[in-house]
PDB file of N, CA and C in Angstrom:
ATOM      1  N   UNK A   1     -74.644-128.065  36.023  1.00  0.00           N
ATOM      2  CA  UNK A   1     -74.156-127.311  34.894  1.00  0.00           C
ATOM      3  C   UNK A   1     -74.760-125.916  34.920  1.00  0.00           C
ATOM      4  N   UNK A   2     -73.941-124.884  34.813  1.00  0.00           N
ATOM      5  CA  UNK A   2     -74.418-123.514  34.843  1.00  0.00           C
ATOM      6  C   UNK A   2     -75.037-123.150  33.501  1.00  0.00           C
ATOM      7  N   UNK A   3     -76.147-122.404  33.560  1.00  0.00           N
ATOM      8  CA  UNK A   3     -76.751-121.950  32.315  1.00  0.00           C
ATOM      9  C   UNK A   3     -76.248-120.563  31.946  1.00  0.00           C
ATOM     10  N   UNK A   4     -75.888-119.753  32.904  1.00  0.00           N
ATOM     11  CA  UNK A   4     -75.343-118.417  32.673  1.00  0.00           C
ATOM     12  C   UNK A   4     -73.898-118.395  33.173  1.00  0.00           C
ATOM     13  N   UNK A   5     -72.991-117.745  32.435  1.00  0.00           N
ATOM     14  CA  UNK A   5     -71.606-117.665  32.900  1.00  0.00           C
ATOM     15  C   UNK A   5     -71.522-116.902  34.222  1.00  0.00           C
ATOM     16  N   UNK A   6     -70.675-117.352  35.110  1.00  0.00           N
ATOM     17  CA  UNK A   6     -70.442-116.677  36.383  1.00  0.00           C
ATOM     18  C   UNK A   6     -69.476-115.521  36.133  1.00  0.00           C
ATOM     19  N   UNK A   7     -69.993-114.287  36.153  1.00  0.00           N
ATOM     20  CA  UNK A   7     -69.173-113.112  35.836  1.00  0.00           C
ATOM     21  C   UNK A   7     -68.016-112.954  36.809  1.00  0.00           C
ATOM     22  N   UNK A   8     -68.202-113.314  38.075  1.00  0.00           N
ATOM     23  CA  UNK A   8     -67.119-113.234  39.048  1.00  0.00           C
ATOM     24  C   UNK A   8     -65.984-114.167  38.642  1.00  0.00           C
ATOM     25  N   UNK A   9     -66.321-115.368  38.215  1.00  0.00           N
ATOM     26  CA  UNK A   9     -65.329-116.340  37.764  1.00  0.00           C
ATOM     27  C   UNK A   9     -64.580-115.809  36.545  1.00  0.00           C
ATOM     28  N   UNK A  10     -65.302-115.191  35.621  1.00  0.00           N
ATOM     29  CA  UNK A  10     -64.687-114.631  34.416  1.00  0.00           C
ATOM     30  C   UNK A  10     -63.717-113.520  34.790  1.00  0.00           C
ATOM     31  N   UNK A  11     -64.145-112.585  35.644  1.00  0.00           N
ATOM     32  CA  UNK A  11     -63.277-111.470  36.036  1.00  0.00           C
ATOM     33  C   UNK A  11     -62.044-111.956  36.801  1.00  0.00           C
ATOM     34  N   UNK A  12     -62.220-112.942  37.670  1.00  0.00           N
ATOM     35  CA  UNK A  12     -61.075-113.499  38.398  1.00  0.00           C
ATOM     36  C   UNK A  12     -60.102-114.142  37.421  1.00  0.00           C
ATOM     37  N   UNK A  13     -60.622-114.815  36.415  1.00  0.00           N
ATOM     38  CA  UNK A  13     -59.770-115.466  35.424  1.00  0.00           C
ATOM     39  C   UNK A  13     -58.956-114.425  34.658  1.00  0.00           C
ATOM     40  N   UNK A  14     -59.588-113.316  34.291  1.00  0.00           N
ATOM     41  CA  UNK A  14     -58.871-112.245  33.591  1.00  0.00           C
ATOM     42  C   UNK A  14     -57.783-111.643  34.475  1.00  0.00           C
ATOM     43  N   UNK A  15     -58.112-111.374  35.744  1.00  0.00           N
ATOM     44  CA  UNK A  15     -57.120-110.796  36.658  1.00  0.00           C
ATOM     45  C   UNK A  15     -55.966-111.766  36.900  1.00  0.00           C
ATOM     46  N   UNK A  16     -56.291-113.044  37.021  1.00  0.00           N
ATOM     47  CA  UNK A  16     -55.263-114.065  37.260  1.00  0.00           C
ATOM     48  C   UNK A  16     -54.232-114.060  36.133  1.00  0.00           C
ATOM     49  N   UNK A  17     -54.683-113.892  34.900  1.00  0.00           N
ATOM     50  CA  UNK A  17     -53.787-113.863  33.761  1.00  0.00           C
ATOM     51  C   UNK A  17     -53.115-112.503  33.607  1.00  0.00           C
ATOM     52  N   UNK A  18     -53.556-111.499  34.409  1.00  0.00           N
ATOM     53  CA  UNK A  18     -52.996-110.151  34.378  1.00  0.00           C
ATOM     54  C   UNK A  18     -52.993-109.591  32.954  1.00  0.00           C
ATOM     55  N   UNK A  19     -54.119-109.755  32.290  1.00  0.00           N
ATOM     56  CA  UNK A  19     -54.254-109.299  30.914  1.00  0.00           C
ATOM     57  C   UNK A  19     -55.708-108.965  30.637  1.00  0.00           C
ATOM     58  N   UNK A  20     -55.942-108.273  29.572  1.00  0.00           N
ATOM     59  CA  UNK A  20     -57.314-108.000  29.165  1.00  0.00           C
ATOM     60  C   UNK A  20     -57.714-108.893  27.987  1.00  0.00           C
ATOM     61  N   UNK A  21     -56.891-109.897  27.670  1.00  0.00           N
ATOM     62  CA  UNK A  21     -57.255-110.840  26.616  1.00  0.00           C
ATOM     63  C   UNK A  21     -58.454-111.653  27.063  1.00  0.00           C
ATOM     64  N   UNK A  22     -59.312-111.971  26.127  1.00  0.00           N
ATOM     65  CA  UNK A  22     -60.419-112.865  26.432  1.00  0.00           C
ATOM     66  C   UNK A  22     -59.861-114.276  26.440  1.00  0.00           C
ATOM     67  N   UNK A  23     -60.158-114.988  27.513  1.00  0.00           N
ATOM     68  CA  UNK A  23     -59.677-116.354  27.688  1.00  0.00           C
ATOM     69  C   UNK A  23     -60.858-117.222  28.084  1.00  0.00           C
ATOM     70  N   UNK A  24     -61.077-118.290  27.362  1.00  0.00           N
ATOM     71  CA  UNK A  24     -62.182-119.182  27.680  1.00  0.00           C
ATOM     72  C   UNK A  24     -61.923-119.845  29.035  1.00  0.00           C
ATOM     73  N   UNK A  25     -62.830-119.662  29.990  1.00  0.00           N
ATOM     74  CA  UNK A  25     -62.628-120.272  31.306  1.00  0.00           C
ATOM     75  C   UNK A  25     -62.763-121.797  31.288  1.00  0.00           C
ATOM     76  N   UNK A  26     -63.330-122.357  30.221  1.00  0.00           N
ATOM     77  CA  UNK A  26     -63.503-123.810  30.142  1.00  0.00           C
ATOM     78  C   UNK A  26     -62.279-124.530  29.596  1.00  0.00           C
ATOM     79  N   UNK A  27     -61.662-123.966  28.519  1.00  0.00           N
ATOM     80  CA  UNK A  27     -60.557-124.694  27.884  1.00  0.00           C
ATOM     81  C   UNK A  27     -59.255-123.892  27.800  1.00  0.00           C
ATOM     82  N   UNK A  28     -59.289-122.602  28.149  1.00  0.00           N
ATOM     83  CA  UNK A  28     -58.078-121.792  28.124  1.00  0.00           C
ATOM     84  C   UNK A  28     -57.759-121.160  26.773  1.00  0.00           C
ATOM     85  N   UNK A  29     -58.575-121.400  25.760  1.00  0.00           N
ATOM     86  CA  UNK A  29     -58.369-120.799  24.443  1.00  0.00           C
ATOM     87  C   UNK A  29     -58.360-119.277  24.563  1.00  0.00           C
ATOM     88  N   UNK A  30     -57.383-118.645  23.906  1.00  0.00           N
ATOM     89  CA  UNK A  30     -57.341-117.184  23.932  1.00  0.00           C
ATOM     90  C   UNK A  30     -57.135-116.591  22.540  1.00  0.00           C
ATOM     91  N   UNK A  31     -57.458-117.386  21.492  1.00  0.00           N
ATOM     92  CA  UNK A  31     -57.207-116.864  20.145  1.00  0.00           C
ATOM     93  C   UNK A  31     -58.343-117.056  19.142  1.00  0.00           C
ATOM     94  N   UNK A  32     -59.171-118.058  19.285  1.00  0.00           N
ATOM     95  CA  UNK A  32     -60.174-118.362  18.261  1.00  0.00           C
ATOM     96  C   UNK A  32     -61.591-118.304  18.835  1.00  0.00           C
ATOM     97  N   UNK A  33     -62.393-117.393  18.261  1.00  0.00           N
ATOM     98  CA  UNK A  33     -63.752-117.157  18.736  1.00  0.00           C
ATOM     99  C   UNK A  33     -64.664-116.942  17.533  1.00  0.00           C
ATOM    100  N   UNK A  34     -65.984-117.053  17.738  1.00  0.00           N
ATOM    101  CA  UNK A  34     -66.925-116.734  16.669  1.00  0.00           C
ATOM    102  C   UNK A  34     -68.205-116.163  17.255  1.00  0.00           C
ATOM    103  N   UNK A  35     -68.922-115.420  16.414  1.00  0.00           N
ATOM    104  CA  UNK A  35     -70.208-114.836  16.787  1.00  0.00           C
ATOM    105  C   UNK A  35     -71.310-115.566  16.031  1.00  0.00           C
ATOM    106  N   UNK A  36     -72.487-115.629  16.646  1.00  0.00           N
ATOM    107  CA  UNK A  36     -73.683-116.130  15.986  1.00  0.00           C
ATOM    108  C   UNK A  36     -74.742-115.049  16.140  1.00  0.00           C
ATOM    109  N   UNK A  37     -75.262-114.576  15.012  1.00  0.00           N
ATOM    110  CA  UNK A  37     -76.282-113.539  15.018  1.00  0.00           C
ATOM    111  C   UNK A  37     -77.613-114.148  14.604  1.00  0.00           C
ATOM    112  N   UNK A  38     -78.635-113.939  15.412  1.00  0.00           N
ATOM    113  CA  UNK A  38     -79.981-114.394  15.081  1.00  0.00           C
ATOM    114  C   UNK A  38     -80.681-113.300  14.279  1.00  0.00           C
ATOM    115  N   UNK A  39     -81.464-113.691  13.325  1.00  0.00           N
ATOM    116  CA  UNK A  39     -82.250-112.736  12.559  1.00  0.00           C
ATOM    117  C   UNK A  39     -81.413-111.754  11.769  1.00  0.00           C
ATOM    118  N   UNK A  40     -80.502-112.237  10.948  1.00  0.00           N
ATOM    119  CA  UNK A  40     -79.632-111.356  10.177  1.00  0.00           C
ATOM    120  C   UNK A  40     -80.114-111.270   8.729  1.00  0.00           C
ATOM    121  N   UNK A  41     -79.991-110.068   8.174  1.00  0.00           N
ATOM    122  CA  UNK A  41     -80.254-109.855   6.754  1.00  0.00           C
ATOM    123  C   UNK A  41     -78.922-109.487   6.112  1.00  0.00           C
ATOM    124  N   UNK A  42     -78.500-110.280   5.148  1.00  0.00           N
ATOM    125  CA  UNK A  42     -77.250-110.027   4.443  1.00  0.00           C
ATOM    126  C   UNK A  42     -77.579-109.612   3.010  1.00  0.00           C
ATOM    127  N   UNK A  43     -77.024-108.493   2.594  1.00  0.00           N
ATOM    128  CA  UNK A  43     -77.225-108.011   1.230  1.00  0.00           C
ATOM    129  C   UNK A  43     -75.857-107.889   0.582  1.00  0.00           C
ATOM    130  N   UNK A  44     -75.659-108.613  -0.513  1.00  0.00           N
ATOM    131  CA  UNK A  44     -74.388-108.584  -1.236  1.00  0.00           C
ATOM    132  C   UNK A  44     -74.652-108.054  -2.632  1.00  0.00           C
ATOM    133  N   UNK A  45     -73.867-107.078  -3.041  1.00  0.00           N
ATOM    134  CA  UNK A  45     -73.999-106.479  -4.374  1.00  0.00           C
ATOM    135  C   UNK A  45     -72.906-107.045  -5.298  1.00  0.00           C
ATOM    136  N   UNK A  46     -73.300-107.333  -6.544  1.00  0.00           N
ATOM    137  CA  UNK A  46     -72.390-107.908  -7.528  1.00  0.00           C
ATOM    138  C   UNK A  46     -72.419-107.095  -8.819  1.00  0.00           C
ATOM    139  N   UNK A  47     -71.335-107.124  -9.534  1.00  0.00           N
ATOM    140  CA  UNK A  47     -71.222-106.546 -10.871  1.00  0.00           C
ATOM    141  C   UNK A  47     -70.907-107.698 -11.822  1.00  0.00           C
ATOM    142  N   UNK A  48     -71.634-107.742 -12.937  1.00  0.00           N
ATOM    143  CA  UNK A  48     -71.338-108.778 -13.934  1.00  0.00           C
ATOM    144  C   UNK A  48     -70.246-108.260 -14.870  1.00  0.00           C
ATOM    145  N   UNK A  49     -69.212-109.050 -15.008  1.00  0.00           N
ATOM    146  CA  UNK A  49     -68.084-108.707 -15.865  1.00  0.00           C
ATOM    147  C   UNK A  49     -68.415-109.003 -17.326  1.00  0.00           C
ATOM    148  N   UNK A  50     -67.614-108.466 -18.223  1.00  0.00           N
ATOM    149  CA  UNK A  50     -67.863-108.631 -19.660  1.00  0.00           C
ATOM    150  C   UNK A  50     -67.826-110.098 -20.102  1.00  0.00           C
ATOM    151  N   UNK A  51     -67.106-110.951 -19.366  1.00  0.00           N
ATOM    152  CA  UNK A  51     -67.042-112.370 -19.721  1.00  0.00           C
ATOM    153  C   UNK A  51     -68.187-113.191 -19.119  1.00  0.00           C
ATOM    154  N   UNK A  52     -69.107-112.507 -18.421  1.00  0.00           N
ATOM    155  CA  UNK A  52     -70.255-113.196 -17.824  1.00  0.00           C
ATOM    156  C   UNK A  52     -70.052-113.599 -16.379  1.00  0.00           C
ATOM    157  N   UNK A  53     -68.822-113.509 -15.878  1.00  0.00           N
ATOM    158  CA  UNK A  53     -68.554-113.826 -14.470  1.00  0.00           C
ATOM    159  C   UNK A  53     -69.004-112.651 -13.595  1.00  0.00           C
ATOM    160  N   UNK A  54     -69.021-112.866 -12.289  1.00  0.00           N
ATOM    161  CA  UNK A  54     -69.453-111.839 -11.352  1.00  0.00           C
ATOM    162  C   UNK A  54     -68.345-111.515 -10.357  1.00  0.00           C
ATOM    163  N   UNK A  55     -68.285-110.253  -9.950  1.00  0.00           N
ATOM    164  CA  UNK A  55     -67.365-109.794  -8.907  1.00  0.00           C
ATOM    165  C   UNK A  55     -68.183-109.107  -7.829  1.00  0.00           C
ATOM    166  N   UNK A  56     -67.837-109.379  -6.575  1.00  0.00           N
ATOM    167  CA  UNK A  56     -68.542-108.745  -5.464  1.00  0.00           C
ATOM    168  C   UNK A  56     -68.203-107.259  -5.426  1.00  0.00           C
ATOM    169  N   UNK A  57     -69.216-106.429  -5.294  1.00  0.00           N
ATOM    170  CA  UNK A  57     -69.047-104.980  -5.285  1.00  0.00           C
ATOM    171  C   UNK A  57     -69.212-104.402  -3.884  1.00  0.00           C
ATOM    172  N   UNK A  58     -69.775-105.141  -2.989  1.00  0.00           N
ATOM    173  CA  UNK A  58     -69.955-104.656  -1.616  1.00  0.00           C
ATOM    174  C   UNK A  58     -70.971-105.515  -0.899  1.00  0.00           C
ATOM    175  N   UNK A  59     -71.031-105.344   0.413  1.00  0.00           N
ATOM    176  CA  UNK A  59     -72.047-106.057   1.179  1.00  0.00           C
ATOM    177  C   UNK A  59     -72.471-105.240   2.386  1.00  0.00           C
ATOM    178  N   UNK A  60     -73.648-105.532   2.852  1.00  0.00           N
ATOM    179  CA  UNK A  60     -74.225-104.886   4.028  1.00  0.00           C
ATOM    180  C   UNK A  60     -74.883-105.970   4.871  1.00  0.00           C
ATOM    181  N   UNK A  61     -74.939-105.728   6.161  1.00  0.00           N
ATOM    182  CA  UNK A  61     -75.659-106.658   7.025  1.00  0.00           C
ATOM    183  C   UNK A  61     -76.473-105.873   8.046  1.00  0.00           C
ATOM    184  N   UNK A  62     -77.587-106.444   8.390  1.00  0.00           N
ATOM    185  CA  UNK A  62     -78.445-105.865   9.415  1.00  0.00           C
ATOM    186  C   UNK A  62     -78.831-106.995  10.358  1.00  0.00           C
ATOM    187  N   UNK A  63     -78.562-106.796  11.652  1.00  0.00           N
ATOM    188  CA  UNK A  63     -78.839-107.829  12.646  1.00  0.00           C
ATOM    189  C   UNK A  63     -80.098-107.427  13.400  1.00  0.00           C
ATOM    190  N   UNK A  64     -81.081-108.291  13.368  1.00  0.00           N
ATOM    191  CA  UNK A  64     -82.368-108.000  13.985  1.00  0.00           C
ATOM    192  C   UNK A  64     -82.534-108.683  15.339  1.00  0.00           C
ATOM    193  N   UNK A  65     -81.705-109.656  15.619  1.00  0.00           N
ATOM    194  CA  UNK A  65     -81.849-110.427  16.852  1.00  0.00           C
ATOM    195  C   UNK A  65     -80.623-110.352  17.730  1.00  0.00           C
ATOM    196  N   UNK A  66     -80.503-111.326  18.591  1.00  0.00           N
ATOM    197  CA  UNK A  66     -79.418-111.425  19.562  1.00  0.00           C
ATOM    198  C   UNK A  66     -78.112-111.847  18.877  1.00  0.00           C
ATOM    199  N   UNK A  67     -76.996-111.344  19.401  1.00  0.00           N
ATOM    200  CA  UNK A  67     -75.674-111.783  18.954  1.00  0.00           C
ATOM    201  C   UNK A  67     -75.029-112.521  20.121  1.00  0.00           C
ATOM    202  N   UNK A  68     -74.595-113.745  19.866  1.00  0.00           N
ATOM    203  CA  UNK A  68     -73.927-114.540  20.893  1.00  0.00           C
ATOM    204  C   UNK A  68     -72.471-114.741  20.488  1.00  0.00           C
ATOM    205  N   UNK A  69     -71.621-114.970  21.471  1.00  0.00           N
ATOM    206  CA  UNK A  69     -70.172-115.066  21.297  1.00  0.00           C
ATOM    207  C   UNK A  69     -69.702-116.396  21.873  1.00  0.00           C
ATOM    208  N   UNK A  70     -68.879-117.140  21.114  1.00  0.00           N
ATOM    209  CA  UNK A  70     -68.486-118.490  21.511  1.00  0.00           C
ATOM    210  C   UNK A  70     -66.987-118.723  21.366  1.00  0.00           C
ATOM    211  N   UNK A  71     -66.487-119.643  22.168  1.00  0.00           N
ATOM    212  CA  UNK A  71     -65.120-120.157  22.021  1.00  0.00           C
ATOM    213  C   UNK A  71     -65.118-121.094  20.819  1.00  0.00           C
ATOM    214  N   UNK A  72     -64.176-120.903  19.897  1.00  0.00           N
ATOM    215  CA  UNK A  72     -64.105-121.748  18.707  1.00  0.00           C
ATOM    216  C   UNK A  72     -63.435-123.089  18.976  1.00  0.00           C
ATOM    217  N   UNK A  73     -62.861-123.257  20.153  1.00  0.00           N
ATOM    218  CA  UNK A  73     -62.208-124.532  20.493  1.00  0.00           C
ATOM    219  C   UNK A  73     -63.183-125.508  21.146  1.00  0.00           C
ATOM    220  N   UNK A  74     -63.952-125.036  22.134  1.00  0.00           N
ATOM    221  CA  UNK A  74     -64.840-125.943  22.873  1.00  0.00           C
ATOM    222  C   UNK A  74     -66.319-125.569  22.760  1.00  0.00           C
ATOM    223  N   UNK A  75     -66.622-124.504  22.011  1.00  0.00           N
ATOM    224  CA  UNK A  75     -67.995-124.029  21.789  1.00  0.00           C
ATOM    225  C   UNK A  75     -68.684-123.511  23.046  1.00  0.00           C
ATOM    226  N   UNK A  76     -67.906-123.164  24.060  1.00  0.00           N
ATOM    227  CA  UNK A  76     -68.470-122.583  25.285  1.00  0.00           C
ATOM    228  C   UNK A  76     -69.124-121.237  24.937  1.00  0.00           C
ATOM    229  N   UNK A  77     -70.298-120.991  25.485  1.00  0.00           N
ATOM    230  CA  UNK A  77     -70.987-119.710  25.279  1.00  0.00           C
ATOM    231  C   UNK A  77     -70.272-118.644  26.103  1.00  0.00           C
ATOM    232  N   UNK A  78     -69.651-117.696  25.419  1.00  0.00           N
ATOM    233  CA  UNK A  78     -68.897-116.621  26.063  1.00  0.00           C
ATOM    234  C   UNK A  78     -69.569-115.267  25.841  1.00  0.00           C
ATOM    235  N   UNK A  79     -70.882-115.262  25.703  1.00  0.00           N
ATOM    236  CA  UNK A  79     -71.606-114.029  25.438  1.00  0.00           C
ATOM    237  C   UNK A  79     -71.327-112.977  26.503  1.00  0.00           C
ATOM    238  N   UNK A  80     -71.001-113.378  27.704  1.00  0.00           N
ATOM    239  CA  UNK A  80     -70.644-112.418  28.759  1.00  0.00           C
ATOM    240  C   UNK A  80     -69.412-111.598  28.374  1.00  0.00           C
ATOM    241  N   UNK A  81     -68.587-112.113  27.462  1.00  0.00           N
ATOM    242  CA  UNK A  81     -67.391-111.410  26.988  1.00  0.00           C
ATOM    243  C   UNK A  81     -67.667-110.543  25.755  1.00  0.00           C
ATOM    244  N   UNK A  82     -68.855-110.618  25.199  1.00  0.00           N
ATOM    245  CA  UNK A  82     -69.109-109.991  23.905  1.00  0.00           C
ATOM    246  C   UNK A  82     -68.849-108.486  23.901  1.00  0.00           C
ATOM    247  N   UNK A  83     -69.246-107.783  24.944  1.00  0.00           N
ATOM    248  CA  UNK A  83     -69.011-106.332  24.980  1.00  0.00           C
ATOM    249  C   UNK A  83     -67.515-106.026  24.915  1.00  0.00           C
ATOM    250  N   UNK A  84     -66.707-106.784  25.629  1.00  0.00           N
ATOM    251  CA  UNK A  84     -65.249-106.604  25.583  1.00  0.00           C
ATOM    252  C   UNK A  84     -64.729-106.866  24.169  1.00  0.00           C
ATOM    253  N   UNK A  85     -65.230-107.902  23.529  1.00  0.00           N
ATOM    254  CA  UNK A  85     -64.861-108.217  22.155  1.00  0.00           C
ATOM    255  C   UNK A  85     -65.171-107.040  21.228  1.00  0.00           C
ATOM    256  N   UNK A  86     -66.384-106.498  21.344  1.00  0.00           N
ATOM    257  CA  UNK A  86     -66.795-105.367  20.499  1.00  0.00           C
ATOM    258  C   UNK A  86     -65.894-104.155  20.748  1.00  0.00           C
ATOM    259  N   UNK A  87     -65.552-103.902  21.998  1.00  0.00           N
ATOM    260  CA  UNK A  87     -64.676-102.758  22.334  1.00  0.00           C
ATOM    261  C   UNK A  87     -63.294-102.902  21.726  1.00  0.00           C
ATOM    262  N   UNK A  88     -62.853-104.124  21.484  1.00  0.00           N
ATOM    263  CA  UNK A  88     -61.497-104.355  20.992  1.00  0.00           C
ATOM    264  C   UNK A  88     -61.443-104.595  19.481  1.00  0.00           C
ATOM    265  N   UNK A  89     -62.551-104.444  18.758  1.00  0.00           N
ATOM    266  CA  UNK A  89     -62.536-104.547  17.296  1.00  0.00           C
ATOM    267  C   UNK A  89     -61.951-103.276  16.706  1.00  0.00           C
ATOM    268  N   UNK A  90     -60.957-103.416  15.859  1.00  0.00           N
ATOM    269  CA  UNK A  90     -60.331-102.244  15.216  1.00  0.00           C
ATOM    270  C   UNK A  90     -60.309-102.442  13.724  1.00  0.00           C
TER     271      UNK A  90
END
């Protein structure tokens, strides 16, 4: 079992599909992914309404540790794809 993704295998898989979509080399998933951030600080601001309920006013996050990227179908570690994912966030 490989502990680090084989970048050559990943690049060949992308070329084979003739696309720049991220595709999980383990299960073929090309639509559902998630990130896991270590050491994150989340700050959420709220406003209390006149009826006593609360509404979110904004949020901020600060990541202090590593960010990993995973396939949401098979949980394969796809951190080798993370830079491509970040480049394609709009």
